Amino acid sequence: VPMPGYEVHILDEDGHEVEKPGTIGAIVIKLPLPPSCLPTLWQAEPRFRQSYLTRYPGYYLTGDAGYKDENGYLFIMSRIDDIINVAGHRLSTGGMEEVLAGHADVAECAVLGVADQLKGELPMGFVVLKAGVERPSGEICGELVAKVRQEIGPVAAFKLVAIVGRLPKTRSGKILRGTMKAIADDSDWKMPATIDDPVTLDEIAGSLRELGYAKGYRSKTG
Protein backbone atom coordinates (compact mmCIF):
# COMPACT_ATOMS: atom_id res chain seq x y z
CA VAL A 1 0.00 0.00 0.00
CA PRO A 2 1.43 3.45 -0.87
CA MET A 3 2.71 5.54 2.03
CA PRO A 4 0.54 8.43 3.32
CA GLY A 5 1.09 11.60 1.32
CA TYR A 6 1.63 9.78 -1.97
CA GLU A 7 -1.34 9.87 -4.34
CA VAL A 8 -0.44 6.95 -6.60
CA HIS A 9 -2.28 6.34 -9.87
CA ILE A 10 -2.06 3.87 -12.75
CA LEU A 11 -2.26 5.48 -16.20
CA ASP A 12 -2.50 4.00 -19.68
CA GLU A 13 -0.43 5.09 -22.68
CA ASP A 14 -2.83 7.98 -23.38
CA GLY A 15 -2.65 9.30 -19.82
CA HIS A 16 -6.07 8.03 -18.77
CA GLU A 17 -6.70 6.44 -15.39
CA VAL A 18 -6.71 2.63 -15.48
CA GLU A 19 -9.87 1.65 -13.63
CA LYS A 20 -10.04 -2.11 -14.15
CA PRO A 21 -8.26 -3.98 -11.33
CA GLY A 22 -5.31 -6.07 -12.48
CA THR A 23 -4.66 -3.99 -15.60
CA ILE A 24 -1.02 -3.00 -16.01
CA GLY A 25 -0.12 0.62 -16.60
CA ALA A 26 2.43 3.28 -15.72
CA ILE A 27 2.77 3.98 -12.00
CA VAL A 28 2.69 7.73 -11.38
CA ILE A 29 2.43 10.06 -8.38
CA LYS A 30 0.08 13.03 -8.59
CA LEU A 31 1.75 16.40 -8.10
CA PRO A 32 2.62 18.11 -5.85
CA LEU A 33 4.98 15.55 -4.37
CA PRO A 34 4.95 15.14 -0.58
CA PRO A 35 7.76 16.50 1.62
CA SER A 36 11.13 14.70 1.43
CA CYS A 37 10.77 13.87 -2.28
CA LEU A 38 13.53 14.92 -4.65
CA PRO A 39 12.65 18.32 -6.20
CA THR A 40 15.10 18.06 -9.09
CA LEU A 41 18.41 16.58 -10.25
CA TRP A 42 21.65 18.32 -9.35
CA GLN A 43 22.53 20.76 -12.13
CA ALA A 44 20.14 18.94 -14.48
CA GLU A 45 16.73 20.59 -14.10
CA PRO A 46 15.79 20.21 -17.82
CA ARG A 47 16.67 16.50 -17.78
CA PHE A 48 14.66 16.02 -14.59
CA ARG A 49 11.56 17.58 -16.14
CA GLN A 50 11.98 15.69 -19.40
CA SER A 51 12.47 12.34 -17.67
CA TYR A 52 9.87 12.54 -14.92
CA LEU A 53 7.33 15.32 -15.49
CA THR A 54 6.74 15.61 -19.25
CA ARG A 55 5.15 12.34 -20.32
CA TYR A 56 2.14 12.67 -18.01
CA PRO A 57 1.55 16.37 -17.16
CA GLY A 58 0.54 16.82 -13.54
CA TYR A 59 2.17 13.56 -12.48
CA TYR A 60 5.61 12.31 -11.52
CA LEU A 61 6.60 9.29 -13.61
CA THR A 62 8.21 6.62 -11.44
CA GLY A 63 9.40 4.56 -14.40
CA ASP A 64 7.73 1.47 -12.95
CA ALA A 65 4.79 -0.46 -14.38
CA GLY A 66 2.22 -2.26 -12.29
CA TYR A 67 -1.41 -2.50 -11.28
CA LYS A 68 -3.84 -2.22 -8.39
CA ASP A 69 -6.00 -5.12 -7.28
CA GLU A 70 -9.66 -4.91 -6.31
CA ASN A 71 -8.66 -3.92 -2.76
CA GLY A 72 -6.44 -1.05 -3.88
CA TYR A 73 -3.14 -2.80 -3.20
CA LEU A 74 -0.35 -1.74 -5.53
CA PHE A 75 1.72 -4.35 -7.36
CA ILE A 76 4.96 -3.29 -9.07
CA MET A 77 5.66 -5.67 -11.94
CA SER A 78 8.64 -4.23 -13.82
CA ARG A 79 10.12 -1.11 -15.36
CA ILE A 80 8.04 0.60 -18.05
CA ASP A 81 10.64 -0.37 -20.64
CA ASP A 82 9.90 -4.02 -19.83
CA ILE A 83 6.22 -3.75 -20.79
CA ILE A 84 5.42 -5.02 -24.29
CA ASN A 85 2.31 -4.59 -26.39
CA VAL A 86 1.09 -7.87 -27.86
CA ALA A 87 -1.93 -7.30 -30.11
CA GLY A 88 -3.12 -4.47 -27.87
CA HIS A 89 -2.46 -6.29 -24.61
CA ARG A 90 0.13 -4.75 -22.28
CA LEU A 91 2.18 -7.55 -20.77
CA SER A 92 5.08 -7.64 -18.35
CA THR A 93 8.20 -9.43 -19.55
CA GLY A 94 9.21 -9.55 -15.90
CA GLY A 95 6.12 -11.61 -15.16
CA MET A 96 7.05 -14.04 -17.91
CA GLU A 97 10.61 -14.26 -16.61
CA GLU A 98 9.21 -15.17 -13.21
CA VAL A 99 7.27 -18.03 -14.77
CA LEU A 100 10.28 -19.32 -16.71
CA ALA A 101 12.50 -19.07 -13.64
CA GLY A 102 10.05 -21.33 -11.83
CA HIS A 103 10.91 -24.26 -14.11
CA ALA A 104 13.04 -26.84 -12.34
CA ASP A 105 15.72 -26.90 -15.06
CA VAL A 106 16.16 -23.12 -15.50
CA ALA A 107 19.09 -21.33 -13.84
CA GLU A 108 18.41 -17.85 -15.26
CA CYS A 109 16.40 -16.30 -18.04
CA ALA A 110 15.47 -13.16 -19.94
CA VAL A 111 12.36 -12.21 -21.90
CA LEU A 112 12.20 -9.35 -24.39
CA GLY A 113 9.72 -8.07 -26.92
CA VAL A 114 10.62 -8.42 -30.60
CA ALA A 115 8.90 -6.66 -33.48
CA ASP A 116 6.07 -8.52 -35.22
CA GLN A 117 4.09 -7.25 -38.22
CA LEU A 118 0.84 -8.88 -37.08
CA LYS A 119 0.80 -8.38 -33.30
CA GLY A 120 3.14 -5.42 -32.91
CA GLU A 121 5.43 -7.28 -30.54
CA LEU A 122 5.99 -10.87 -29.49
CA PRO A 123 7.72 -12.11 -26.34
CA MET A 124 10.94 -14.06 -26.85
CA GLY A 125 12.59 -16.00 -24.06
CA PHE A 126 16.21 -16.98 -23.49
CA VAL A 127 17.01 -19.52 -20.79
CA VAL A 128 20.22 -20.84 -19.30
CA LEU A 129 19.86 -24.33 -17.88
CA LYS A 130 21.17 -25.54 -14.56
CA ALA A 131 24.41 -27.51 -14.58
CA GLY A 132 23.90 -31.19 -15.28
CA VAL A 133 20.62 -30.89 -17.18
CA GLU A 134 20.84 -33.17 -20.22
CA ARG A 135 17.23 -33.37 -21.38
CA PRO A 136 16.41 -32.58 -25.03
CA SER A 137 16.17 -28.84 -25.68
CA GLY A 138 12.95 -29.20 -27.64
CA GLU A 139 11.28 -30.95 -24.73
CA ILE A 140 12.27 -28.24 -22.27
CA CYS A 141 11.22 -25.43 -24.62
CA GLY A 142 7.83 -27.08 -25.06
CA GLU A 143 7.37 -27.20 -21.30
CA LEU A 144 8.32 -23.53 -20.96
CA VAL A 145 5.82 -22.46 -23.63
CA ALA A 146 3.09 -24.50 -21.93
CA LYS A 147 4.01 -23.08 -18.52
CA VAL A 148 3.66 -19.46 -19.68
CA ARG A 149 0.40 -20.29 -21.44
CA GLN A 150 -0.98 -21.90 -18.28
CA GLU A 151 0.13 -19.25 -15.77
CA ILE A 152 -0.26 -16.07 -17.84
CA GLY A 153 -2.64 -17.18 -20.57
CA PRO A 154 -2.80 -17.61 -24.36
CA VAL A 155 -2.91 -13.81 -24.67
CA ALA A 156 0.85 -13.77 -24.01
CA ALA A 157 1.45 -15.49 -27.38
CA PHE A 158 4.66 -16.93 -25.94
CA LYS A 159 6.08 -19.32 -28.53
CA LEU A 160 9.64 -18.12 -29.13
CA VAL A 161 12.20 -19.52 -26.72
CA ALA A 162 15.85 -20.49 -27.03
CA ILE A 163 18.21 -22.32 -24.70
CA VAL A 164 21.56 -20.55 -24.53
CA GLY A 165 24.83 -21.14 -22.75
CA ARG A 166 24.91 -17.68 -21.16
CA LEU A 167 23.29 -14.26 -21.34
CA PRO A 168 24.98 -10.99 -22.37
CA LYS A 169 25.63 -8.92 -19.25
CA THR A 170 27.42 -5.83 -18.06
CA ARG A 171 30.32 -6.21 -15.68
CA SER A 172 27.91 -5.45 -12.84
CA GLY A 173 25.64 -8.33 -13.89
CA LYS A 174 22.82 -6.47 -15.66
CA ILE A 175 21.36 -8.39 -18.60
CA LEU A 176 21.62 -6.37 -21.83
CA ARG A 177 17.99 -6.76 -22.89
CA GLY A 178 17.93 -3.54 -24.91
CA THR A 179 20.91 -4.59 -26.99
CA MET A 180 19.45 -8.06 -27.50
CA LYS A 181 16.19 -6.54 -28.74
CA ALA A 182 17.99 -4.21 -31.14
CA ILE A 183 19.91 -7.16 -32.59
CA ALA A 184 16.72 -9.22 -32.92
CA ASP A 185 14.92 -6.40 -34.74
CA ASP A 186 17.93 -5.62 -36.97
CA SER A 187 18.01 -2.10 -35.53
CA ASP A 188 21.11 0.04 -35.11
CA TRP A 189 23.01 -0.76 -31.93
CA LYS A 190 26.29 0.05 -30.26
CA MET A 191 28.57 -2.24 -28.33
CA PRO A 192 27.88 -1.39 -24.66
CA ALA A 193 30.99 0.03 -23.01
CA THR A 194 30.29 -1.93 -19.84
CA ILE A 195 29.70 -5.34 -21.45
CA ASP A 196 31.48 -8.18 -19.69
CA ASP A 197 32.16 -10.34 -22.78
CA PRO A 198 31.27 -9.04 -26.27
CA VAL A 199 31.31 -12.59 -27.68
CA THR A 200 28.05 -13.31 -25.86
CA LEU A 201 26.26 -11.07 -28.37
CA ASP A 202 27.55 -13.22 -31.23
CA GLU A 203 26.23 -16.28 -29.40
CA ILE A 204 22.82 -14.68 -28.87
CA ALA A 205 22.69 -13.60 -32.53
CA GLY A 206 23.19 -17.23 -33.52
CA SER A 207 20.22 -18.28 -31.39
CA LEU A 208 18.14 -15.45 -32.83
CA ARG A 209 18.89 -16.54 -36.37
CA GLU A 210 17.66 -20.03 -35.56
CA LEU A 211 14.35 -18.42 -34.58
CA GLY A 212 14.24 -16.36 -37.78
CA TYR A 213 15.55 -13.08 -36.39
CA ALA A 214 18.76 -11.01 -36.54
CA LYS A 215 19.20 -11.83 -40.22
CA GLY A 216 21.29 -8.71 -40.80
CA TYR A 217 23.51 -9.13 -37.76
CA ARG A 218 27.16 -8.26 -38.15
CA SER A 219 29.62 -9.05 -35.42
CA LYS A 220 31.43 -6.14 -33.75
CA THR A 221 33.93 -8.28 -31.90
CA GLY A 222 36.44 -8.63 -34.74
C-alpha atoms as a PDB file:
ATOM      1  CA  VAL A   1       0.000   0.000   0.000  1.00  0.00           C
ATOM      2  CA  PRO A   2       1.432   3.448  -0.870  1.00  0.00           C
ATOM      3  CA  MET A   3       2.715   5.540   2.032  1.00  0.00           C
ATOM      4  CA  PRO A   4       0.538   8.427   3.318  1.00  0.00           C
ATOM      5  CA  GLY A   5       1.092  11.599   1.318  1.00  0.00           C
ATOM      6  CA  TYR A   6       1.630   9.778  -1.967  1.00  0.00           C
ATOM      7  CA  GLU A   7      -1.335   9.873  -4.344  1.00  0.00           C
ATOM      8  CA  VAL A   8      -0.443   6.952  -6.601  1.00  0.00           C
ATOM      9  CA  HIS A   9      -2.276   6.344  -9.869  1.00  0.00           C
ATOM     10  CA  ILE A  10      -2.065   3.872 -12.752  1.00  0.00           C
ATOM     11  CA  LEU A  11      -2.260   5.482 -16.195  1.00  0.00           C
ATOM     12  CA  ASP A  12      -2.505   4.001 -19.676  1.00  0.00           C
ATOM     13  CA  GLU A  13      -0.432   5.090 -22.680  1.00  0.00           C
ATOM     14  CA  ASP A  14      -2.827   7.978 -23.382  1.00  0.00           C
ATOM     15  CA  GLY A  15      -2.653   9.304 -19.819  1.00  0.00           C
ATOM     16  CA  HIS A  16      -6.071   8.029 -18.768  1.00  0.00           C
ATOM     17  CA  GLU A  17      -6.696   6.441 -15.392  1.00  0.00           C
ATOM     18  CA  VAL A  18      -6.714   2.635 -15.479  1.00  0.00           C
ATOM     19  CA  GLU A  19      -9.874   1.652 -13.633  1.00  0.00           C
ATOM     20  CA  LYS A  20     -10.041  -2.112 -14.152  1.00  0.00           C
ATOM     21  CA  PRO A  21      -8.255  -3.984 -11.326  1.00  0.00           C
ATOM     22  CA  GLY A  22      -5.312  -6.067 -12.481  1.00  0.00           C
ATOM     23  CA  THR A  23      -4.661  -3.990 -15.603  1.00  0.00           C
ATOM     24  CA  ILE A  24      -1.019  -3.003 -16.009  1.00  0.00           C
ATOM     25  CA  GLY A  25      -0.117   0.617 -16.600  1.00  0.00           C
ATOM     26  CA  ALA A  26       2.431   3.279 -15.720  1.00  0.00           C
ATOM     27  CA  ILE A  27       2.770   3.981 -11.995  1.00  0.00           C
ATOM     28  CA  VAL A  28       2.694   7.730 -11.381  1.00  0.00           C
ATOM     29  CA  ILE A  29       2.431  10.064  -8.383  1.00  0.00           C
ATOM     30  CA  LYS A  30       0.083  13.027  -8.587  1.00  0.00           C
ATOM     31  CA  LEU A  31       1.746  16.401  -8.095  1.00  0.00           C
ATOM     32  CA  PRO A  32       2.624  18.107  -5.846  1.00  0.00           C
ATOM     33  CA  LEU A  33       4.975  15.545  -4.372  1.00  0.00           C
ATOM     34  CA  PRO A  34       4.949  15.139  -0.581  1.00  0.00           C
ATOM     35  CA  PRO A  35       7.764  16.498   1.616  1.00  0.00           C
ATOM     36  CA  SER A  36      11.134  14.697   1.432  1.00  0.00           C
ATOM     37  CA  CYS A  37      10.765  13.874  -2.279  1.00  0.00           C
ATOM     38  CA  LEU A  38      13.525  14.915  -4.648  1.00  0.00           C
ATOM     39  CA  PRO A  39      12.651  18.316  -6.197  1.00  0.00           C
ATOM     40  CA  THR A  40      15.096  18.063  -9.095  1.00  0.00           C
ATOM     41  CA  LEU A  41      18.411  16.585 -10.249  1.00  0.00           C
ATOM     42  CA  TRP A  42      21.654  18.324  -9.345  1.00  0.00           C
ATOM     43  CA  GLN A  43      22.535  20.759 -12.128  1.00  0.00           C
ATOM     44  CA  ALA A  44      20.144  18.941 -14.477  1.00  0.00           C
ATOM     45  CA  GLU A  45      16.734  20.590 -14.103  1.00  0.00           C
ATOM     46  CA  PRO A  46      15.788  20.211 -17.825  1.00  0.00           C
ATOM     47  CA  ARG A  47      16.674  16.505 -17.783  1.00  0.00           C
ATOM     48  CA  PHE A  48      14.661  16.019 -14.590  1.00  0.00           C
ATOM     49  CA  ARG A  49      11.565  17.584 -16.139  1.00  0.00           C
ATOM     50  CA  GLN A  50      11.980  15.692 -19.398  1.00  0.00           C
ATOM     51  CA  SER A  51      12.474  12.345 -17.670  1.00  0.00           C
ATOM     52  CA  TYR A  52       9.871  12.542 -14.917  1.00  0.00           C
ATOM     53  CA  LEU A  53       7.328  15.325 -15.488  1.00  0.00           C
ATOM     54  CA  THR A  54       6.743  15.609 -19.248  1.00  0.00           C
ATOM     55  CA  ARG A  55       5.145  12.343 -20.323  1.00  0.00           C
ATOM     56  CA  TYR A  56       2.142  12.674 -18.005  1.00  0.00           C
ATOM     57  CA  PRO A  57       1.548  16.373 -17.161  1.00  0.00           C
ATOM     58  CA  GLY A  58       0.538  16.817 -13.543  1.00  0.00           C
ATOM     59  CA  TYR A  59       2.168  13.563 -12.479  1.00  0.00           C
ATOM     60  CA  TYR A  60       5.606  12.313 -11.519  1.00  0.00           C
ATOM     61  CA  LEU A  61       6.595   9.293 -13.612  1.00  0.00           C
ATOM     62  CA  THR A  62       8.214   6.623 -11.436  1.00  0.00           C
ATOM     63  CA  GLY A  63       9.401   4.557 -14.398  1.00  0.00           C
ATOM     64  CA  ASP A  64       7.726   1.472 -12.955  1.00  0.00           C
ATOM     65  CA  ALA A  65       4.788  -0.457 -14.380  1.00  0.00           C
ATOM     66  CA  GLY A  66       2.220  -2.264 -12.291  1.00  0.00           C
ATOM     67  CA  TYR A  67      -1.412  -2.495 -11.281  1.00  0.00           C
ATOM     68  CA  LYS A  68      -3.844  -2.219  -8.395  1.00  0.00           C
ATOM     69  CA  ASP A  69      -5.997  -5.120  -7.283  1.00  0.00           C
ATOM     70  CA  GLU A  70      -9.660  -4.912  -6.313  1.00  0.00           C
ATOM     71  CA  ASN A  71      -8.658  -3.924  -2.760  1.00  0.00           C
ATOM     72  CA  GLY A  72      -6.444  -1.055  -3.884  1.00  0.00           C
ATOM     73  CA  TYR A  73      -3.139  -2.797  -3.195  1.00  0.00           C
ATOM     74  CA  LEU A  74      -0.350  -1.737  -5.532  1.00  0.00           C
ATOM     75  CA  PHE A  75       1.725  -4.347  -7.362  1.00  0.00           C
ATOM     76  CA  ILE A  76       4.962  -3.288  -9.070  1.00  0.00           C
ATOM     77  CA  MET A  77       5.661  -5.668 -11.942  1.00  0.00           C
ATOM     78  CA  SER A  78       8.635  -4.233 -13.824  1.00  0.00           C
ATOM     79  CA  ARG A  79      10.117  -1.111 -15.361  1.00  0.00           C
ATOM     80  CA  ILE A  80       8.044   0.599 -18.050  1.00  0.00           C
ATOM     81  CA  ASP A  81      10.636  -0.371 -20.645  1.00  0.00           C
ATOM     82  CA  ASP A  82       9.902  -4.017 -19.835  1.00  0.00           C
ATOM     83  CA  ILE A  83       6.224  -3.754 -20.794  1.00  0.00           C
ATOM     84  CA  ILE A  84       5.425  -5.018 -24.287  1.00  0.00           C
ATOM     85  CA  ASN A  85       2.306  -4.586 -26.394  1.00  0.00           C
ATOM     86  CA  VAL A  86       1.092  -7.868 -27.865  1.00  0.00           C
ATOM     87  CA  ALA A  87      -1.932  -7.302 -30.106  1.00  0.00           C
ATOM     88  CA  GLY A  88      -3.123  -4.468 -27.872  1.00  0.00           C
ATOM     89  CA  HIS A  89      -2.462  -6.293 -24.606  1.00  0.00           C
ATOM     90  CA  ARG A  90       0.134  -4.752 -22.281  1.00  0.00           C
ATOM     91  CA  LEU A  91       2.184  -7.555 -20.771  1.00  0.00           C
ATOM     92  CA  SER A  92       5.084  -7.639 -18.346  1.00  0.00           C
ATOM     93  CA  THR A  93       8.197  -9.430 -19.549  1.00  0.00           C
ATOM     94  CA  GLY A  94       9.214  -9.546 -15.901  1.00  0.00           C
ATOM     95  CA  GLY A  95       6.121 -11.608 -15.160  1.00  0.00           C
ATOM     96  CA  MET A  96       7.051 -14.044 -17.909  1.00  0.00           C
ATOM     97  CA  GLU A  97      10.606 -14.262 -16.608  1.00  0.00           C
ATOM     98  CA  GLU A  98       9.210 -15.165 -13.207  1.00  0.00           C
ATOM     99  CA  VAL A  99       7.266 -18.031 -14.773  1.00  0.00           C
ATOM    100  CA  LEU A 100      10.279 -19.324 -16.714  1.00  0.00           C
ATOM    101  CA  ALA A 101      12.504 -19.073 -13.644  1.00  0.00           C
ATOM    102  CA  GLY A 102      10.048 -21.326 -11.830  1.00  0.00           C
ATOM    103  CA  HIS A 103      10.907 -24.255 -14.109  1.00  0.00           C
ATOM    104  CA  ALA A 104      13.037 -26.840 -12.342  1.00  0.00           C
ATOM    105  CA  ASP A 105      15.718 -26.897 -15.062  1.00  0.00           C
ATOM    106  CA  VAL A 106      16.164 -23.122 -15.504  1.00  0.00           C
ATOM    107  CA  ALA A 107      19.088 -21.329 -13.839  1.00  0.00           C
ATOM    108  CA  GLU A 108      18.414 -17.849 -15.258  1.00  0.00           C
ATOM    109  CA  CYS A 109      16.398 -16.295 -18.043  1.00  0.00           C
ATOM    110  CA  ALA A 110      15.473 -13.156 -19.940  1.00  0.00           C
ATOM    111  CA  VAL A 111      12.360 -12.207 -21.902  1.00  0.00           C
ATOM    112  CA  LEU A 112      12.205  -9.346 -24.386  1.00  0.00           C
ATOM    113  CA  GLY A 113       9.722  -8.073 -26.923  1.00  0.00           C
ATOM    114  CA  VAL A 114      10.620  -8.419 -30.595  1.00  0.00           C
ATOM    115  CA  ALA A 115       8.896  -6.659 -33.481  1.00  0.00           C
ATOM    116  CA  ASP A 116       6.069  -8.516 -35.220  1.00  0.00           C
ATOM    117  CA  GLN A 117       4.089  -7.247 -38.215  1.00  0.00           C
ATOM    118  CA  LEU A 118       0.842  -8.876 -37.078  1.00  0.00           C
ATOM    119  CA  LYS A 119       0.804  -8.384 -33.298  1.00  0.00           C
ATOM    120  CA  GLY A 120       3.137  -5.418 -32.915  1.00  0.00           C
ATOM    121  CA  GLU A 121       5.430  -7.278 -30.539  1.00  0.00           C
ATOM    122  CA  LEU A 122       5.989 -10.873 -29.486  1.00  0.00           C
ATOM    123  CA  PRO A 123       7.724 -12.112 -26.343  1.00  0.00           C
ATOM    124  CA  MET A 124      10.938 -14.060 -26.850  1.00  0.00           C
ATOM    125  CA  GLY A 125      12.592 -16.001 -24.064  1.00  0.00           C
ATOM    126  CA  PHE A 126      16.205 -16.981 -23.486  1.00  0.00           C
ATOM    127  CA  VAL A 127      17.008 -19.520 -20.790  1.00  0.00           C
ATOM    128  CA  VAL A 128      20.220 -20.843 -19.297  1.00  0.00           C
ATOM    129  CA  LEU A 129      19.859 -24.330 -17.876  1.00  0.00           C
ATOM    130  CA  LYS A 130      21.174 -25.536 -14.559  1.00  0.00           C
ATOM    131  CA  ALA A 131      24.407 -27.511 -14.582  1.00  0.00           C
ATOM    132  CA  GLY A 132      23.904 -31.188 -15.276  1.00  0.00           C
ATOM    133  CA  VAL A 133      20.621 -30.891 -17.180  1.00  0.00           C
ATOM    134  CA  GLU A 134      20.841 -33.166 -20.216  1.00  0.00           C
ATOM    135  CA  ARG A 135      17.234 -33.366 -21.383  1.00  0.00           C
ATOM    136  CA  PRO A 136      16.411 -32.582 -25.034  1.00  0.00           C
ATOM    137  CA  SER A 137      16.169 -28.843 -25.682  1.00  0.00           C
ATOM    138  CA  GLY A 138      12.948 -29.199 -27.643  1.00  0.00           C
ATOM    139  CA  GLU A 139      11.276 -30.947 -24.732  1.00  0.00           C
ATOM    140  CA  ILE A 140      12.268 -28.239 -22.266  1.00  0.00           C
ATOM    141  CA  CYS A 141      11.219 -25.434 -24.621  1.00  0.00           C
ATOM    142  CA  GLY A 142       7.829 -27.076 -25.059  1.00  0.00           C
ATOM    143  CA  GLU A 143       7.368 -27.198 -21.299  1.00  0.00           C
ATOM    144  CA  LEU A 144       8.319 -23.535 -20.964  1.00  0.00           C
ATOM    145  CA  VAL A 145       5.823 -22.455 -23.626  1.00  0.00           C
ATOM    146  CA  ALA A 146       3.094 -24.497 -21.927  1.00  0.00           C
ATOM    147  CA  LYS A 147       4.011 -23.076 -18.517  1.00  0.00           C
ATOM    148  CA  VAL A 148       3.658 -19.461 -19.675  1.00  0.00           C
ATOM    149  CA  ARG A 149       0.397 -20.288 -21.438  1.00  0.00           C
ATOM    150  CA  GLN A 150      -0.976 -21.895 -18.277  1.00  0.00           C
ATOM    151  CA  GLU A 151       0.132 -19.252 -15.769  1.00  0.00           C
ATOM    152  CA  ILE A 152      -0.265 -16.066 -17.840  1.00  0.00           C
ATOM    153  CA  GLY A 153      -2.638 -17.184 -20.574  1.00  0.00           C
ATOM    154  CA  PRO A 154      -2.800 -17.606 -24.363  1.00  0.00           C
ATOM    155  CA  VAL A 155      -2.907 -13.805 -24.673  1.00  0.00           C
ATOM    156  CA  ALA A 156       0.852 -13.770 -24.014  1.00  0.00           C
ATOM    157  CA  ALA A 157       1.447 -15.491 -27.383  1.00  0.00           C
ATOM    158  CA  PHE A 158       4.655 -16.932 -25.940  1.00  0.00           C
ATOM    159  CA  LYS A 159       6.078 -19.323 -28.534  1.00  0.00           C
ATOM    160  CA  LEU A 160       9.641 -18.116 -29.132  1.00  0.00           C
ATOM    161  CA  VAL A 161      12.196 -19.520 -26.719  1.00  0.00           C
ATOM    162  CA  ALA A 162      15.854 -20.494 -27.026  1.00  0.00           C
ATOM    163  CA  ILE A 163      18.210 -22.316 -24.700  1.00  0.00           C
ATOM    164  CA  VAL A 164      21.560 -20.548 -24.527  1.00  0.00           C
ATOM    165  CA  GLY A 165      24.827 -21.136 -22.752  1.00  0.00           C
ATOM    166  CA  ARG A 166      24.910 -17.683 -21.164  1.00  0.00           C
ATOM    167  CA  LEU A 167      23.294 -14.258 -21.336  1.00  0.00           C
ATOM    168  CA  PRO A 168      24.977 -10.985 -22.373  1.00  0.00           C
ATOM    169  CA  LYS A 169      25.626  -8.921 -19.250  1.00  0.00           C
ATOM    170  CA  THR A 170      27.418  -5.835 -18.058  1.00  0.00           C
ATOM    171  CA  ARG A 171      30.321  -6.211 -15.682  1.00  0.00           C
ATOM    172  CA  SER A 172      27.912  -5.452 -12.838  1.00  0.00           C
ATOM    173  CA  GLY A 173      25.641  -8.329 -13.886  1.00  0.00           C
ATOM    174  CA  LYS A 174      22.823  -6.472 -15.662  1.00  0.00           C
ATOM    175  CA  ILE A 175      21.361  -8.389 -18.600  1.00  0.00           C
ATOM    176  CA  LEU A 176      21.621  -6.371 -21.829  1.00  0.00           C
ATOM    177  CA  ARG A 177      17.988  -6.762 -22.886  1.00  0.00           C
ATOM    178  CA  GLY A 178      17.933  -3.544 -24.908  1.00  0.00           C
ATOM    179  CA  THR A 179      20.912  -4.586 -26.990  1.00  0.00           C
ATOM    180  CA  MET A 180      19.453  -8.059 -27.498  1.00  0.00           C
ATOM    181  CA  LYS A 181      16.188  -6.544 -28.735  1.00  0.00           C
ATOM    182  CA  ALA A 182      17.988  -4.212 -31.140  1.00  0.00           C
ATOM    183  CA  ILE A 183      19.909  -7.159 -32.591  1.00  0.00           C
ATOM    184  CA  ALA A 184      16.720  -9.224 -32.921  1.00  0.00           C
ATOM    185  CA  ASP A 185      14.917  -6.403 -34.739  1.00  0.00           C
ATOM    186  CA  ASP A 186      17.932  -5.615 -36.965  1.00  0.00           C
ATOM    187  CA  SER A 187      18.008  -2.097 -35.531  1.00  0.00           C
ATOM    188  CA  ASP A 188      21.114   0.036 -35.109  1.00  0.00           C
ATOM    189  CA  TRP A 189      23.014  -0.765 -31.934  1.00  0.00           C
ATOM    190  CA  LYS A 190      26.293   0.050 -30.261  1.00  0.00           C
ATOM    191  CA  MET A 191      28.571  -2.238 -28.327  1.00  0.00           C
ATOM    192  CA  PRO A 192      27.882  -1.394 -24.663  1.00  0.00           C
ATOM    193  CA  ALA A 193      30.985   0.032 -23.015  1.00  0.00           C
ATOM    194  CA  THR A 194      30.291  -1.930 -19.843  1.00  0.00           C
ATOM    195  CA  ILE A 195      29.695  -5.341 -21.454  1.00  0.00           C
ATOM    196  CA  ASP A 196      31.482  -8.181 -19.693  1.00  0.00           C
ATOM    197  CA  ASP A 197      32.162 -10.336 -22.776  1.00  0.00           C
ATOM    198  CA  PRO A 198      31.268  -9.045 -26.270  1.00  0.00           C
ATOM    199  CA  VAL A 199      31.314 -12.590 -27.677  1.00  0.00           C
ATOM    200  CA  THR A 200      28.045 -13.305 -25.860  1.00  0.00           C
ATOM    201  CA  LEU A 201      26.256 -11.073 -28.368  1.00  0.00           C
ATOM    202  CA  ASP A 202      27.546 -13.222 -31.229  1.00  0.00           C
ATOM    203  CA  GLU A 203      26.226 -16.276 -29.404  1.00  0.00           C
ATOM    204  CA  ILE A 204      22.818 -14.675 -28.871  1.00  0.00           C
ATOM    205  CA  ALA A 205      22.687 -13.602 -32.526  1.00  0.00           C
ATOM    206  CA  GLY A 206      23.194 -17.230 -33.517  1.00  0.00           C
ATOM    207  CA  SER A 207      20.218 -18.284 -31.392  1.00  0.00           C
ATOM    208  CA  LEU A 208      18.141 -15.446 -32.827  1.00  0.00           C
ATOM    209  CA  ARG A 209      18.890 -16.544 -36.373  1.00  0.00           C
ATOM    210  CA  GLU A 210      17.659 -20.033 -35.556  1.00  0.00           C
ATOM    211  CA  LEU A 211      14.355 -18.417 -34.576  1.00  0.00           C
ATOM    212  CA  GLY A 212      14.238 -16.361 -37.781  1.00  0.00           C
ATOM    213  CA  TYR A 213      15.548 -13.075 -36.389  1.00  0.00           C
ATOM    214  CA  ALA A 214      18.760 -11.005 -36.545  1.00  0.00           C
ATOM    215  CA  LYS A 215      19.202 -11.835 -40.219  1.00  0.00           C
ATOM    216  CA  GLY A 216      21.288  -8.714 -40.796  1.00  0.00           C
ATOM    217  CA  TYR A 217      23.514  -9.134 -37.757  1.00  0.00           C
ATOM    218  CA  ARG A 218      27.161  -8.257 -38.151  1.00  0.00           C
ATOM    219  CA  SER A 219      29.620  -9.051 -35.416  1.00  0.00           C
ATOM    220  CA  LYS A 220      31.427  -6.143 -33.751  1.00  0.00           C
ATOM    221  CA  THR A 221      33.933  -8.283 -31.898  1.00  0.00           C
ATOM    222  CA  GLY A 222      36.442  -8.633 -34.739  1.00  0.00           C
END
